[in-house]
């Protein structure tokens, strides 16, 4: 199970009536079903003049706050968190939730569920998608859902890159009816051209006979 959501917290600069401005770090803790916000003064701009200085100062505190949070290790872990916190009817349309959940459970989870996030490779995913006996449009949708999973992980700072973005997958296809239609058009054009040629030849012969 994945624990409480990872917190970056908020680093704020606050004015004081007297003295230099202070850096304050704000985060929340769960108290039953409620959130309780906490703040801690990190230092003043006299000792921490730049934001990056203050960021370094709160690094240890941020680690402590998130000590109960376990990052997902496998694609299955990530799927569980994504389905619970992101792919919900509170955030997405019902049809989107239904379709994307189906793609995840029928295709992504069975093949990639046990794979560590760090081991998912663009080329391997591309080859897998190409092997699926599905329409190009369906394969493109599966790619989009898989990519959304990694975007979710990036948002929570569990991974720092999305390997699915480099996967090549085209949704375009030439349908049989398009080929047939194109053939009929070409055939009709040729027939029309032949008819015009015949009419032209007959007219020339008629003019020649009149002369």
N, C-alpha and C. Protein backbone atom coordinates (compact mmCIF):
# COMPACT_ATOMS: atom_id res chain seq x y z
N UNK A 1 0.84 -1.20 0.00
CA UNK A 1 0.00 0.00 0.00
C UNK A 1 0.87 1.25 0.00
N UNK A 2 0.41 2.27 -0.72
CA UNK A 2 1.11 3.55 -0.72
C UNK A 2 0.53 4.39 0.40
N UNK A 3 1.40 5.03 1.17
CA UNK A 3 0.95 5.80 2.31
C UNK A 3 0.40 7.15 1.91
N UNK A 4 0.41 8.07 2.88
CA UNK A 4 -0.07 9.41 2.67
C UNK A 4 0.66 10.06 1.50
N UNK A 5 -0.02 10.95 0.81
CA UNK A 5 0.57 11.62 -0.34
C UNK A 5 1.83 12.39 0.06
N UNK A 6 2.83 12.32 -0.82
CA UNK A 6 4.08 13.03 -0.59
C UNK A 6 3.81 14.53 -0.53
N UNK A 7 4.44 15.20 0.43
CA UNK A 7 4.25 16.63 0.60
C UNK A 7 5.53 17.40 0.29
N UNK A 8 5.41 18.40 -0.57
CA UNK A 8 6.52 19.33 -0.76
C UNK A 8 6.44 20.46 0.25
N UNK A 9 5.22 20.72 0.74
CA UNK A 9 5.03 21.82 1.66
C UNK A 9 5.11 23.16 0.93
N UNK A 10 5.00 24.24 1.70
CA UNK A 10 5.06 25.59 1.13
C UNK A 10 6.10 26.40 1.88
N UNK A 11 7.02 26.97 1.13
CA UNK A 11 8.04 27.83 1.72
C UNK A 11 7.63 29.28 1.47
N UNK A 12 7.41 30.01 2.54
CA UNK A 12 6.89 31.37 2.43
C UNK A 12 7.85 32.37 3.08
N UNK A 13 7.87 33.57 2.51
CA UNK A 13 8.64 34.65 3.12
C UNK A 13 7.65 35.60 3.79
N UNK A 14 7.83 35.82 5.09
CA UNK A 14 6.89 36.67 5.83
C UNK A 14 7.56 37.93 6.36
N UNK A 15 6.77 39.01 6.29
CA UNK A 15 7.27 40.28 6.81
C UNK A 15 7.10 40.31 8.32
N UNK A 16 7.97 41.06 8.96
CA UNK A 16 7.84 41.28 10.40
C UNK A 16 7.77 42.78 10.66
N UNK A 17 7.15 43.14 11.76
CA UNK A 17 7.02 44.57 12.09
C UNK A 17 8.39 45.20 12.28
N UNK A 18 9.28 44.41 12.82
CA UNK A 18 10.65 44.89 12.99
C UNK A 18 11.61 43.74 12.70
N UNK A 19 12.74 44.07 12.17
CA UNK A 19 13.72 43.05 11.87
C UNK A 19 13.56 42.50 10.45
N UNK A 20 14.47 41.66 10.03
CA UNK A 20 14.43 41.11 8.68
C UNK A 20 13.26 40.14 8.47
N UNK A 21 12.89 39.97 7.23
CA UNK A 21 11.83 39.00 6.90
C UNK A 21 12.28 37.59 7.28
N UNK A 22 11.29 36.74 7.51
CA UNK A 22 11.60 35.36 7.89
C UNK A 22 11.09 34.37 6.85
N UNK A 23 11.77 33.24 6.79
CA UNK A 23 11.31 32.13 5.97
C UNK A 23 10.50 31.18 6.84
N UNK A 24 9.30 30.84 6.38
CA UNK A 24 8.41 29.95 7.14
C UNK A 24 8.02 28.77 6.25
N UNK A 25 8.10 27.59 6.83
CA UNK A 25 7.71 26.37 6.11
C UNK A 25 6.35 25.91 6.63
N UNK A 26 5.43 25.62 5.70
CA UNK A 26 4.06 25.23 6.08
C UNK A 26 3.74 23.87 5.48
N UNK A 27 3.16 22.99 6.28
CA UNK A 27 2.74 21.68 5.81
C UNK A 27 1.52 21.25 6.62
N UNK A 28 1.00 20.05 6.34
CA UNK A 28 -0.17 19.59 7.10
C UNK A 28 0.06 18.19 7.65
N UNK A 29 -0.68 17.88 8.68
CA UNK A 29 -0.70 16.55 9.26
C UNK A 29 -2.14 16.07 9.32
N UNK A 30 -2.31 14.77 9.24
CA UNK A 30 -3.66 14.20 9.33
C UNK A 30 -4.01 13.94 10.79
N UNK A 31 -5.17 14.44 11.19
CA UNK A 31 -5.70 14.18 12.53
C UNK A 31 -7.06 13.53 12.34
N UNK A 32 -7.05 12.20 12.19
CA UNK A 32 -8.28 11.50 11.85
C UNK A 32 -8.63 11.79 10.41
N UNK A 33 -9.84 12.28 10.19
CA UNK A 33 -10.28 12.60 8.83
C UNK A 33 -9.99 14.06 8.47
N UNK A 34 -9.37 14.80 9.40
CA UNK A 34 -9.12 16.23 9.18
C UNK A 34 -7.63 16.50 8.96
N UNK A 35 -7.38 17.61 8.27
CA UNK A 35 -6.02 18.07 8.09
C UNK A 35 -5.71 19.17 9.10
N UNK A 36 -4.56 19.10 9.70
CA UNK A 36 -4.15 20.14 10.64
C UNK A 36 -2.85 20.76 10.09
N UNK A 37 -2.90 22.04 9.82
CA UNK A 37 -1.76 22.71 9.23
C UNK A 37 -0.74 23.11 10.29
N UNK A 38 0.54 22.94 9.92
CA UNK A 38 1.64 23.27 10.80
C UNK A 38 2.57 24.27 10.12
N UNK A 39 3.24 25.08 10.91
CA UNK A 39 4.23 26.01 10.38
C UNK A 39 5.48 25.97 11.26
N UNK A 40 6.61 26.23 10.62
CA UNK A 40 7.85 26.29 11.37
C UNK A 40 8.75 27.35 10.75
N UNK A 41 9.27 28.21 11.59
CA UNK A 41 10.18 29.25 11.12
C UNK A 41 11.54 28.63 10.84
N UNK A 42 12.06 28.90 9.65
CA UNK A 42 13.32 28.30 9.22
C UNK A 42 14.50 29.21 9.52
N UNK A 43 14.30 30.51 9.34
CA UNK A 43 15.37 31.47 9.56
C UNK A 43 14.99 32.80 8.95
N UNK A 44 15.87 33.74 8.99
CA UNK A 44 15.61 35.05 8.43
C UNK A 44 16.40 35.23 7.13
N UNK A 45 16.03 36.27 6.38
CA UNK A 45 16.74 36.54 5.13
C UNK A 45 18.15 37.04 5.41
N UNK A 46 18.43 37.38 6.67
CA UNK A 46 19.78 37.80 7.02
C UNK A 46 20.74 36.61 6.96
N UNK A 47 20.24 35.44 7.40
CA UNK A 47 21.08 34.23 7.38
C UNK A 47 20.83 33.36 6.15
N UNK A 48 19.62 33.50 5.58
CA UNK A 48 19.23 32.74 4.37
C UNK A 48 18.72 33.74 3.33
N UNK A 49 19.60 34.44 2.67
CA UNK A 49 19.18 35.53 1.78
C UNK A 49 18.41 35.09 0.55
N UNK A 50 18.70 33.91 0.04
CA UNK A 50 18.06 33.44 -1.18
C UNK A 50 17.10 32.28 -0.90
N UNK A 51 16.12 32.13 -1.80
CA UNK A 51 15.16 31.03 -1.63
C UNK A 51 15.87 29.68 -1.65
N UNK A 52 16.86 29.55 -2.52
CA UNK A 52 17.54 28.25 -2.59
C UNK A 52 18.26 27.92 -1.28
N UNK A 53 18.67 28.96 -0.56
CA UNK A 53 19.29 28.72 0.75
C UNK A 53 18.25 28.17 1.73
N UNK A 54 17.07 28.75 1.69
CA UNK A 54 16.00 28.28 2.57
C UNK A 54 15.55 26.88 2.18
N UNK A 55 15.53 26.59 0.86
CA UNK A 55 15.16 25.25 0.39
C UNK A 55 16.12 24.19 0.94
N UNK A 56 17.40 24.52 0.94
CA UNK A 56 18.38 23.59 1.49
C UNK A 56 18.16 23.38 2.98
N UNK A 57 17.76 24.44 3.65
CA UNK A 57 17.56 24.37 5.10
C UNK A 57 16.39 23.50 5.49
N UNK A 58 15.38 23.40 4.60
CA UNK A 58 14.19 22.60 4.95
C UNK A 58 14.26 21.17 4.41
N UNK A 59 15.35 20.82 3.75
CA UNK A 59 15.46 19.49 3.14
C UNK A 59 15.26 18.38 4.18
N UNK A 60 15.95 18.50 5.29
CA UNK A 60 15.84 17.46 6.33
C UNK A 60 14.44 17.41 6.92
N UNK A 61 13.83 18.58 7.11
CA UNK A 61 12.47 18.64 7.66
C UNK A 61 11.48 17.99 6.70
N UNK A 62 11.66 18.23 5.41
CA UNK A 62 10.78 17.64 4.41
C UNK A 62 10.89 16.12 4.42
N UNK A 63 12.09 15.61 4.57
CA UNK A 63 12.29 14.16 4.65
C UNK A 63 11.58 13.59 5.87
N UNK A 64 11.68 14.29 6.99
CA UNK A 64 11.03 13.82 8.22
C UNK A 64 9.52 13.79 8.07
N UNK A 65 8.95 14.84 7.46
CA UNK A 65 7.50 14.92 7.27
C UNK A 65 7.00 13.76 6.42
N UNK A 66 7.80 13.38 5.42
CA UNK A 66 7.39 12.33 4.49
C UNK A 66 7.95 10.96 4.85
N UNK A 67 8.40 10.80 6.06
CA UNK A 67 9.01 9.53 6.45
C UNK A 67 8.02 8.37 6.42
N UNK A 68 6.71 8.67 6.54
CA UNK A 68 5.71 7.61 6.53
C UNK A 68 5.22 7.31 5.11
N UNK A 69 5.72 8.07 4.15
CA UNK A 69 5.27 7.88 2.77
C UNK A 69 6.21 6.92 2.07
N UNK A 70 5.68 5.90 1.48
CA UNK A 70 6.50 4.96 0.70
C UNK A 70 6.21 5.17 -0.78
N UNK A 71 7.24 5.42 -1.53
CA UNK A 71 7.06 5.63 -2.97
C UNK A 71 6.71 4.30 -3.64
N UNK A 72 5.89 4.34 -4.69
CA UNK A 72 5.57 3.11 -5.42
C UNK A 72 6.82 2.55 -6.08
N UNK A 73 6.97 1.25 -6.04
CA UNK A 73 8.15 0.63 -6.62
C UNK A 73 7.87 0.01 -7.98
N UNK A 74 6.67 -0.51 -8.16
CA UNK A 74 6.31 -1.18 -9.41
C UNK A 74 5.17 -0.44 -10.10
N UNK A 75 4.92 -0.85 -11.34
CA UNK A 75 3.81 -0.25 -12.09
C UNK A 75 2.49 -0.53 -11.38
N UNK A 76 2.35 -1.71 -10.77
CA UNK A 76 1.12 -2.04 -10.04
C UNK A 76 0.90 -1.08 -8.87
N UNK A 77 1.98 -0.77 -8.14
CA UNK A 77 1.88 0.19 -7.04
C UNK A 77 1.39 1.54 -7.56
N UNK A 78 1.96 1.95 -8.68
CA UNK A 78 1.59 3.25 -9.26
C UNK A 78 0.15 3.24 -9.74
N UNK A 79 -0.28 2.14 -10.35
CA UNK A 79 -1.66 2.02 -10.82
C UNK A 79 -2.63 2.16 -9.65
N UNK A 80 -2.32 1.48 -8.55
CA UNK A 80 -3.20 1.53 -7.37
C UNK A 80 -3.38 2.96 -6.88
N UNK A 81 -2.28 3.71 -6.83
CA UNK A 81 -2.36 5.09 -6.35
C UNK A 81 -3.09 5.96 -7.36
N UNK A 82 -2.82 5.74 -8.63
CA UNK A 82 -3.46 6.53 -9.70
C UNK A 82 -4.97 6.33 -9.71
N UNK A 83 -5.40 5.08 -9.59
CA UNK A 83 -6.83 4.78 -9.60
C UNK A 83 -7.54 5.36 -8.38
N UNK A 84 -6.85 5.40 -7.27
CA UNK A 84 -7.46 5.88 -6.04
C UNK A 84 -7.51 7.41 -5.96
N UNK A 85 -6.44 8.06 -6.45
CA UNK A 85 -6.32 9.51 -6.23
C UNK A 85 -6.51 10.37 -7.48
N UNK A 86 -6.35 9.80 -8.65
CA UNK A 86 -6.41 10.63 -9.86
C UNK A 86 -7.54 10.24 -10.81
N UNK A 87 -7.64 8.96 -11.12
CA UNK A 87 -8.67 8.52 -12.07
C UNK A 87 -9.97 8.25 -11.32
N UNK A 88 -10.60 9.33 -10.89
CA UNK A 88 -11.84 9.24 -10.14
C UNK A 88 -12.90 10.12 -10.79
N UNK A 89 -14.14 9.84 -10.48
CA UNK A 89 -15.24 10.64 -11.06
C UNK A 89 -15.28 12.05 -10.50
N UNK A 90 -14.55 12.29 -9.41
CA UNK A 90 -14.45 13.66 -8.89
C UNK A 90 -13.53 14.51 -9.75
N UNK A 91 -12.60 13.86 -10.43
CA UNK A 91 -11.62 14.58 -11.24
C UNK A 91 -11.85 14.42 -12.74
N UNK A 92 -12.41 13.29 -13.15
CA UNK A 92 -12.56 12.99 -14.57
C UNK A 92 -14.02 12.66 -14.89
N UNK A 93 -14.35 12.74 -16.17
CA UNK A 93 -15.69 12.35 -16.62
C UNK A 93 -15.87 10.85 -16.41
N UNK A 94 -17.09 10.44 -16.16
CA UNK A 94 -17.37 9.01 -15.89
C UNK A 94 -16.89 8.14 -17.04
N UNK A 95 -17.15 8.57 -18.28
CA UNK A 95 -16.75 7.78 -19.44
C UNK A 95 -15.23 7.65 -19.51
N UNK A 96 -14.51 8.70 -19.16
CA UNK A 96 -13.05 8.66 -19.17
C UNK A 96 -12.53 7.67 -18.13
N UNK A 97 -13.12 7.71 -16.96
CA UNK A 97 -12.73 6.79 -15.89
C UNK A 97 -12.97 5.34 -16.32
N UNK A 98 -14.13 5.09 -16.90
CA UNK A 98 -14.49 3.73 -17.31
C UNK A 98 -13.56 3.20 -18.39
N UNK A 99 -13.33 3.99 -19.42
CA UNK A 99 -12.50 3.55 -20.55
C UNK A 99 -11.05 3.37 -20.13
N UNK A 100 -10.49 4.37 -19.42
CA UNK A 100 -9.08 4.29 -19.03
C UNK A 100 -8.82 3.17 -18.03
N UNK A 101 -9.77 2.95 -17.12
CA UNK A 101 -9.62 1.85 -16.17
C UNK A 101 -9.61 0.51 -16.89
N UNK A 102 -10.45 0.39 -17.89
CA UNK A 102 -10.48 -0.85 -18.68
C UNK A 102 -9.16 -1.09 -19.39
N UNK A 103 -8.61 -0.06 -20.02
CA UNK A 103 -7.33 -0.21 -20.71
C UNK A 103 -6.22 -0.59 -19.73
N UNK A 104 -6.24 0.01 -18.55
CA UNK A 104 -5.21 -0.28 -17.56
C UNK A 104 -5.30 -1.73 -17.09
N UNK A 105 -6.51 -2.18 -16.77
CA UNK A 105 -6.67 -3.51 -16.20
C UNK A 105 -6.56 -4.64 -17.22
N UNK A 106 -6.92 -4.36 -18.47
CA UNK A 106 -6.85 -5.40 -19.49
C UNK A 106 -5.49 -5.49 -20.16
N UNK A 107 -4.77 -4.37 -20.24
CA UNK A 107 -3.53 -4.37 -21.01
C UNK A 107 -2.29 -3.96 -20.22
N UNK A 108 -2.34 -2.83 -19.56
CA UNK A 108 -1.13 -2.35 -18.87
C UNK A 108 -0.78 -3.22 -17.67
N UNK A 109 -1.73 -3.43 -16.78
CA UNK A 109 -1.45 -4.17 -15.55
C UNK A 109 -0.96 -5.61 -15.78
N UNK A 110 -1.61 -6.41 -16.65
CA UNK A 110 -1.16 -7.79 -16.82
C UNK A 110 0.28 -7.92 -17.32
N UNK A 111 0.69 -7.00 -18.19
CA UNK A 111 2.03 -7.09 -18.78
C UNK A 111 3.09 -6.37 -17.96
N UNK A 112 2.75 -5.21 -17.43
CA UNK A 112 3.74 -4.35 -16.81
C UNK A 112 3.60 -4.22 -15.29
N UNK A 113 2.58 -4.81 -14.72
CA UNK A 113 2.32 -4.63 -13.30
C UNK A 113 3.47 -4.95 -12.38
N UNK A 114 4.19 -6.03 -12.64
CA UNK A 114 5.28 -6.45 -11.75
C UNK A 114 6.61 -5.78 -12.06
N UNK A 115 6.65 -4.97 -13.09
CA UNK A 115 7.91 -4.35 -13.52
C UNK A 115 8.21 -3.11 -12.66
N UNK A 116 9.42 -2.99 -12.12
CA UNK A 116 9.78 -1.79 -11.37
C UNK A 116 9.70 -0.56 -12.27
N UNK A 117 9.32 0.57 -11.72
CA UNK A 117 9.19 1.79 -12.51
C UNK A 117 10.49 2.14 -13.21
N UNK A 118 11.60 1.88 -12.55
CA UNK A 118 12.91 2.22 -13.11
C UNK A 118 13.31 1.33 -14.27
N UNK A 119 12.57 0.23 -14.47
CA UNK A 119 12.92 -0.73 -15.52
C UNK A 119 12.03 -0.61 -16.76
N UNK A 120 11.09 0.30 -16.75
CA UNK A 120 10.21 0.48 -17.92
C UNK A 120 10.98 1.24 -18.99
N UNK A 121 11.13 0.64 -20.15
CA UNK A 121 11.92 1.23 -21.23
C UNK A 121 11.03 1.56 -22.44
N UNK A 122 11.33 2.67 -23.08
CA UNK A 122 10.53 3.15 -24.21
C UNK A 122 10.45 2.13 -25.33
N UNK A 123 11.58 1.57 -25.72
CA UNK A 123 11.62 0.62 -26.84
C UNK A 123 10.81 -0.63 -26.52
N UNK A 124 10.91 -1.11 -25.29
CA UNK A 124 10.16 -2.31 -24.89
C UNK A 124 8.66 -2.05 -24.95
N UNK A 125 8.24 -0.87 -24.49
CA UNK A 125 6.82 -0.53 -24.54
C UNK A 125 6.35 -0.40 -25.98
N UNK A 126 7.19 0.19 -26.82
CA UNK A 126 6.85 0.36 -28.24
C UNK A 126 6.66 -1.00 -28.93
N UNK A 127 7.55 -1.93 -28.64
CA UNK A 127 7.44 -3.28 -29.23
C UNK A 127 6.20 -3.99 -28.72
N UNK A 128 5.90 -3.81 -27.45
CA UNK A 128 4.70 -4.43 -26.86
C UNK A 128 3.44 -3.88 -27.50
N UNK A 129 3.36 -2.58 -27.66
CA UNK A 129 2.18 -1.98 -28.29
C UNK A 129 2.00 -2.47 -29.72
N UNK A 130 3.11 -2.59 -30.44
CA UNK A 130 3.03 -3.05 -31.83
C UNK A 130 2.54 -4.49 -31.93
N UNK A 131 2.79 -5.27 -30.87
CA UNK A 131 2.39 -6.68 -30.89
C UNK A 131 0.91 -6.90 -30.56
N UNK A 132 0.25 -5.89 -30.02
CA UNK A 132 -1.15 -6.03 -29.64
C UNK A 132 -2.03 -6.11 -30.87
N UNK A 133 -2.91 -7.07 -30.90
CA UNK A 133 -3.83 -7.23 -32.03
C UNK A 133 -5.02 -6.29 -31.87
N UNK A 134 -4.71 -5.02 -31.95
CA UNK A 134 -5.73 -3.98 -31.78
C UNK A 134 -5.57 -2.94 -32.89
N UNK A 135 -6.57 -2.10 -33.03
CA UNK A 135 -6.49 -1.04 -34.02
C UNK A 135 -5.43 -0.03 -33.58
N UNK A 136 -4.83 0.69 -34.53
CA UNK A 136 -3.85 1.73 -34.16
C UNK A 136 -4.43 2.74 -33.19
N UNK A 137 -5.71 3.06 -33.35
CA UNK A 137 -6.34 4.03 -32.46
C UNK A 137 -6.37 3.52 -31.02
N UNK A 138 -6.68 2.23 -30.84
CA UNK A 138 -6.72 1.65 -29.49
C UNK A 138 -5.32 1.61 -28.88
N UNK A 139 -4.32 1.26 -29.70
CA UNK A 139 -2.94 1.23 -29.19
C UNK A 139 -2.50 2.63 -28.74
N UNK A 140 -2.92 3.64 -29.49
CA UNK A 140 -2.57 5.02 -29.13
C UNK A 140 -3.22 5.41 -27.80
N UNK A 141 -4.45 4.96 -27.58
CA UNK A 141 -5.13 5.26 -26.32
C UNK A 141 -4.44 4.57 -25.14
N UNK A 142 -3.99 3.35 -25.35
CA UNK A 142 -3.28 2.62 -24.30
C UNK A 142 -1.98 3.34 -23.96
N UNK A 143 -1.30 3.82 -24.99
CA UNK A 143 -0.07 4.58 -24.76
C UNK A 143 -0.37 5.83 -23.93
N UNK A 144 -1.44 6.53 -24.26
CA UNK A 144 -1.81 7.76 -23.55
C UNK A 144 -2.09 7.48 -22.07
N UNK A 145 -2.78 6.37 -21.79
CA UNK A 145 -3.09 6.01 -20.40
C UNK A 145 -1.81 5.65 -19.64
N UNK A 146 -0.94 4.89 -20.29
CA UNK A 146 0.34 4.50 -19.68
C UNK A 146 1.17 5.76 -19.38
N UNK A 147 1.16 6.69 -20.32
CA UNK A 147 1.90 7.95 -20.14
C UNK A 147 1.32 8.75 -18.97
N UNK A 148 0.00 8.74 -18.83
CA UNK A 148 -0.65 9.45 -17.73
C UNK A 148 -0.22 8.89 -16.37
N UNK A 149 0.02 7.60 -16.31
CA UNK A 149 0.49 6.98 -15.07
C UNK A 149 1.84 7.57 -14.67
N UNK A 150 2.75 7.69 -15.63
CA UNK A 150 4.07 8.22 -15.32
C UNK A 150 4.02 9.72 -15.04
N UNK A 151 3.13 10.43 -15.70
CA UNK A 151 2.96 11.86 -15.39
C UNK A 151 2.49 12.03 -13.95
N UNK A 152 1.65 11.12 -13.50
CA UNK A 152 1.18 11.12 -12.11
C UNK A 152 2.36 10.91 -11.16
N UNK A 153 3.24 9.97 -11.52
CA UNK A 153 4.41 9.69 -10.69
C UNK A 153 5.37 10.88 -10.65
N UNK A 154 5.52 11.56 -11.77
CA UNK A 154 6.39 12.74 -11.83
C UNK A 154 5.83 13.85 -10.94
N UNK A 155 4.52 14.02 -10.99
CA UNK A 155 3.86 15.05 -10.18
C UNK A 155 4.15 14.84 -8.69
N UNK A 156 4.23 13.57 -8.29
CA UNK A 156 4.49 13.25 -6.88
C UNK A 156 5.99 13.11 -6.58
N UNK A 157 6.82 13.33 -7.61
CA UNK A 157 8.27 13.27 -7.48
C UNK A 157 8.77 11.87 -7.11
N UNK A 158 8.09 10.85 -7.64
CA UNK A 158 8.55 9.48 -7.46
C UNK A 158 9.50 9.08 -8.58
N UNK A 159 9.31 9.65 -9.76
CA UNK A 159 10.22 9.47 -10.88
C UNK A 159 10.45 10.84 -11.50
N UNK A 160 11.47 10.93 -12.35
CA UNK A 160 11.80 12.24 -12.91
C UNK A 160 11.73 12.29 -14.43
N UNK A 161 11.34 11.20 -15.03
CA UNK A 161 11.14 11.22 -16.47
C UNK A 161 10.04 10.23 -16.87
N UNK A 162 9.46 10.49 -18.03
CA UNK A 162 8.35 9.67 -18.52
C UNK A 162 8.83 8.90 -19.75
N UNK A 163 9.13 7.61 -19.61
CA UNK A 163 9.65 6.82 -20.74
C UNK A 163 8.62 6.61 -21.85
N UNK A 164 7.34 6.80 -21.54
CA UNK A 164 6.30 6.54 -22.53
C UNK A 164 6.24 7.66 -23.58
N UNK A 165 6.73 8.85 -23.24
CA UNK A 165 6.68 9.95 -24.18
C UNK A 165 7.51 9.67 -25.44
N UNK A 166 8.56 8.87 -25.30
CA UNK A 166 9.43 8.57 -26.44
C UNK A 166 8.92 7.41 -27.29
N UNK A 167 7.82 6.79 -26.88
CA UNK A 167 7.25 5.65 -27.62
C UNK A 167 6.57 6.14 -28.89
N UNK A 168 6.91 5.53 -30.00
CA UNK A 168 6.28 5.89 -31.27
C UNK A 168 5.05 5.02 -31.48
N UNK A 169 3.94 5.66 -31.76
CA UNK A 169 2.68 4.94 -31.93
C UNK A 169 1.73 5.81 -32.73
N UNK A 170 1.44 5.40 -33.96
CA UNK A 170 0.59 6.21 -34.82
C UNK A 170 -0.84 5.71 -34.78
N UNK A 171 -1.78 6.67 -34.79
CA UNK A 171 -3.21 6.32 -34.81
C UNK A 171 -3.77 6.30 -36.22
N UNK A 172 -2.94 6.69 -37.20
CA UNK A 172 -3.42 6.75 -38.58
C UNK A 172 -3.46 5.37 -39.21
N UNK A 173 -4.43 5.14 -40.03
CA UNK A 173 -4.52 3.88 -40.76
C UNK A 173 -5.27 4.10 -42.06
N UNK A 174 -4.97 3.29 -43.06
CA UNK A 174 -5.65 3.36 -44.34
C UNK A 174 -6.65 2.22 -44.39
N UNK A 175 -7.91 2.57 -44.34
CA UNK A 175 -8.96 1.56 -44.26
C UNK A 175 -9.22 0.95 -45.63
N UNK A 176 -9.74 -0.28 -45.61
CA UNK A 176 -10.02 -0.97 -46.86
C UNK A 176 -11.02 -0.21 -47.70
N UNK A 177 -12.00 0.39 -47.05
CA UNK A 177 -13.02 1.11 -47.81
C UNK A 177 -12.42 2.35 -48.45
N UNK A 178 -11.36 2.92 -47.81
CA UNK A 178 -10.68 4.05 -48.41
C UNK A 178 -9.93 3.62 -49.66
N UNK A 179 -9.26 2.45 -49.55
CA UNK A 179 -8.54 1.93 -50.70
C UNK A 179 -9.50 1.63 -51.83
N UNK A 180 -10.64 0.97 -51.49
CA UNK A 180 -11.64 0.64 -52.49
C UNK A 180 -12.21 1.89 -53.14
N UNK A 181 -12.50 2.88 -52.28
CA UNK A 181 -13.06 4.12 -52.79
C UNK A 181 -12.06 4.82 -53.70
N UNK A 182 -10.79 4.80 -53.27
CA UNK A 182 -9.77 5.44 -54.07
C UNK A 182 -9.63 4.75 -55.42
N UNK A 183 -9.73 3.41 -55.42
CA UNK A 183 -9.65 2.66 -56.67
C UNK A 183 -10.80 2.99 -57.59
N UNK A 184 -12.01 3.14 -57.00
CA UNK A 184 -13.17 3.46 -57.83
C UNK A 184 -13.04 4.85 -58.42
N UNK A 185 -12.50 5.76 -57.64
CA UNK A 185 -12.31 7.12 -58.14
C UNK A 185 -11.34 7.13 -59.30
N UNK A 186 -10.22 6.41 -59.13
CA UNK A 186 -9.23 6.36 -60.20
C UNK A 186 -9.81 5.70 -61.45
N UNK A 187 -10.57 4.62 -61.23
CA UNK A 187 -11.18 3.92 -62.36
C UNK A 187 -12.17 4.82 -63.08
N UNK A 188 -12.98 5.55 -62.30
CA UNK A 188 -13.96 6.46 -62.89
C UNK A 188 -13.27 7.57 -63.66
N UNK A 189 -12.15 8.05 -63.11
CA UNK A 189 -11.41 9.12 -63.79
C UNK A 189 -10.86 8.62 -65.11
N UNK A 190 -10.34 7.38 -65.08
CA UNK A 190 -9.80 6.83 -66.32
C UNK A 190 -10.91 6.63 -67.34
N UNK A 191 -12.07 6.14 -66.88
CA UNK A 191 -13.19 5.93 -67.80
C UNK A 191 -13.65 7.25 -68.41
N UNK A 192 -13.72 8.27 -67.56
CA UNK A 192 -14.14 9.58 -68.05
C UNK A 192 -13.14 10.11 -69.07
N UNK A 193 -11.86 9.88 -68.78
CA UNK A 193 -10.82 10.34 -69.70
C UNK A 193 -10.90 9.61 -71.01
N UNK A 194 -11.15 8.28 -70.97
CA UNK A 194 -11.28 7.51 -72.21
C UNK A 194 -12.47 7.99 -73.01
N UNK A 195 -13.58 8.29 -72.30
CA UNK A 195 -14.79 8.74 -73.00
C UNK A 195 -14.54 10.08 -73.67
N UNK A 196 -13.84 10.99 -72.98
CA UNK A 196 -13.54 12.29 -73.58
C UNK A 196 -12.62 12.13 -74.79
N UNK A 197 -11.68 11.18 -74.67
CA UNK A 197 -10.78 10.94 -75.81
C UNK A 197 -11.54 10.40 -77.01
N UNK A 198 -12.49 9.47 -76.75
CA UNK A 198 -13.26 8.90 -77.85
C UNK A 198 -14.13 9.98 -78.50
N UNK A 199 -14.75 10.82 -77.63
CA UNK A 199 -15.60 11.88 -78.17
C UNK A 199 -14.78 12.85 -79.00
N UNK A 200 -13.58 13.13 -78.54
CA UNK A 200 -12.72 14.06 -79.28
C UNK A 200 -12.32 13.49 -80.62
N UNK A 201 -11.99 12.20 -80.64
CA UNK A 201 -11.59 11.57 -81.90
C UNK A 201 -12.74 11.53 -82.87
N UNK A 202 -13.94 11.23 -82.37
CA UNK A 202 -15.12 11.18 -83.26
C UNK A 202 -15.39 12.55 -83.81
N UNK A 203 -15.27 13.57 -82.99
CA UNK A 203 -15.52 14.93 -83.49
C UNK A 203 -14.51 15.33 -84.55
N UNK A 204 -13.27 14.96 -84.35
CA UNK A 204 -12.24 15.30 -85.34
C UNK A 204 -12.52 14.60 -86.65
N UNK A 205 -12.93 13.30 -86.57
CA UNK A 205 -13.24 12.57 -87.79
C UNK A 205 -14.42 13.19 -88.51
N UNK A 206 -15.42 13.68 -87.78
CA UNK A 206 -16.60 14.28 -88.38
C UNK A 206 -16.24 15.57 -89.10
N UNK A 207 -15.34 16.40 -88.44
CA UNK A 207 -14.92 17.64 -89.06
C UNK A 207 -14.10 17.38 -90.33
N UNK A 208 -13.26 16.30 -90.25
CA UNK A 208 -12.42 15.98 -91.41
C UNK A 208 -13.29 15.55 -92.58
N UNK A 209 -14.36 14.78 -92.30
CA UNK A 209 -15.24 14.32 -93.39
C UNK A 209 -15.98 15.49 -94.00
N UNK A 210 -16.34 16.50 -93.19
CA UNK A 210 -17.05 17.66 -93.69
C UNK A 210 -16.18 18.46 -94.62
N UNK A 211 -14.86 18.51 -94.32
CA UNK A 211 -13.95 19.23 -95.17
C UNK A 211 -13.75 18.49 -96.47
